[in-house]
Structures are given as C-alpha cells and as structure tokens.
Amino acid sequence: MLTLHSYWRGLSESDRIKFCEKAEVTYGYMETHLIHARKKPRMETIQKMVEASNQKLTHKSLFDFFLGTSKTA
C-alpha cells in the first residue's frame, strides 16, 4: 500500500508544490509534519490529499499511515 511518505518522495519538486496547493497545506508543513506523521491532519485535509493525488493515495492508506498501522517493506 502506498504511504504518504513514499508518494511524496516519488514526486518531483514542482509536483510536490502542486500537491500542496491542491491539498491546501503549506510545503513546509507537509515536509516537516505530515510526511513523517508527526501531526495528524483534519478529515478535510485527508480528503484533499486523496483528491490531490488523483486517488493514488486512499483514505485507508492515509488513515493507516497517520494511525501508525501501515506496514513498510
């Protein structure tokens, strides 16, 4: 399952900026807090991240990631 961290690392710099704009979070907040699951986003932000990723990220994958239940290889 694709995690936010692995999805983020697979994006180019310009795609990361676009993703943040669509998800309505700042680049710094995403880089510092969200991709490392240090903070948990609001439900609205999770929805926007799913939409900004064109459904490459799912609600389940984001819930698992932020709740610490995602499996890493």
Protein backbone atom coordinates (compact mmCIF):
# COMPACT_ATOMS: atom_id res chain seq x y z
CA MET A 1 0.00 0.00 0.00
CA LEU A 2 1.30 3.43 -0.95
CA THR A 3 2.05 5.65 2.05
CA LEU A 4 2.09 9.43 2.05
CA HIS A 5 5.84 9.36 2.65
CA SER A 6 6.60 7.11 -0.33
CA TYR A 7 4.16 9.01 -2.55
CA TRP A 8 5.76 12.34 -1.56
CA ARG A 9 9.29 11.06 -2.19
CA GLY A 10 8.25 9.91 -5.66
CA LEU A 11 7.13 13.39 -6.70
CA SER A 12 9.28 15.99 -8.40
CA GLU A 13 9.75 19.33 -6.67
CA SER A 14 7.17 21.01 -8.91
CA ASP A 15 4.68 18.16 -8.38
CA ARG A 16 5.15 18.46 -4.62
CA ILE A 17 4.30 22.16 -4.81
CA LYS A 18 1.19 21.41 -6.90
CA PHE A 19 0.15 18.65 -4.49
CA CYS A 20 0.42 21.05 -1.54
CA GLU A 21 -1.56 23.72 -3.34
CA LYS A 22 -4.35 21.27 -4.17
CA ALA A 23 -4.34 19.81 -0.65
CA GLU A 24 -4.31 23.34 0.79
CA VAL A 25 -1.33 22.80 3.09
CA THR A 26 1.98 24.61 3.03
CA TYR A 27 5.03 22.88 1.63
CA GLY A 28 6.89 23.35 4.90
CA TYR A 29 4.08 21.85 6.98
CA MET A 30 3.87 18.85 4.66
CA GLU A 31 7.65 18.33 4.65
CA THR A 32 8.09 18.83 8.39
CA HIS A 33 5.00 17.32 9.95
CA LEU A 34 2.73 15.35 7.64
CA ILE A 35 5.03 13.08 5.63
CA HIS A 36 6.63 11.91 8.88
CA ALA A 37 3.23 11.54 10.60
CA ARG A 38 4.31 13.87 13.40
CA LYS A 39 0.93 15.59 13.16
CA LYS A 40 -2.45 14.22 12.17
CA PRO A 41 -4.39 16.22 9.59
CA ARG A 42 -8.08 17.04 9.76
CA MET A 43 -10.53 14.88 7.84
CA GLU A 44 -10.98 17.65 5.26
CA THR A 45 -7.23 17.67 4.64
CA ILE A 46 -7.15 13.90 4.20
CA GLN A 47 -9.93 14.22 1.61
CA LYS A 48 -7.99 16.94 -0.20
CA MET A 49 -4.83 14.80 -0.20
CA VAL A 50 -6.72 11.90 -1.78
CA GLU A 51 -8.07 14.24 -4.44
CA ALA A 52 -4.70 15.97 -4.97
CA SER A 53 -3.05 12.59 -5.56
CA ASN A 54 -5.67 11.65 -8.17
CA GLN A 55 -6.71 8.78 -5.89
CA LYS A 56 -3.19 7.26 -5.81
CA LEU A 57 -3.46 7.76 -2.06
CA THR A 58 -6.58 6.30 -0.49
CA HIS A 59 -8.45 7.19 2.65
CA LYS A 60 -7.46 3.82 4.11
CA SER A 61 -3.78 4.25 3.29
CA LEU A 62 -3.77 7.72 4.87
CA PHE A 63 -5.67 6.56 7.97
CA ASP A 64 -3.26 3.65 8.39
CA PHE A 65 -0.26 5.94 7.86
CA PHE A 66 -1.33 8.54 10.40
CA LEU A 67 -2.52 5.98 12.93
CA GLY A 68 0.77 4.12 12.68
CA THR A 69 -0.74 0.90 11.36
CA SER A 70 0.76 0.94 7.85
CA LYS A 71 3.18 -1.86 7.04
CA THR A 72 6.53 -0.98 5.48
CA ALA A 73 8.59 -3.40 3.45
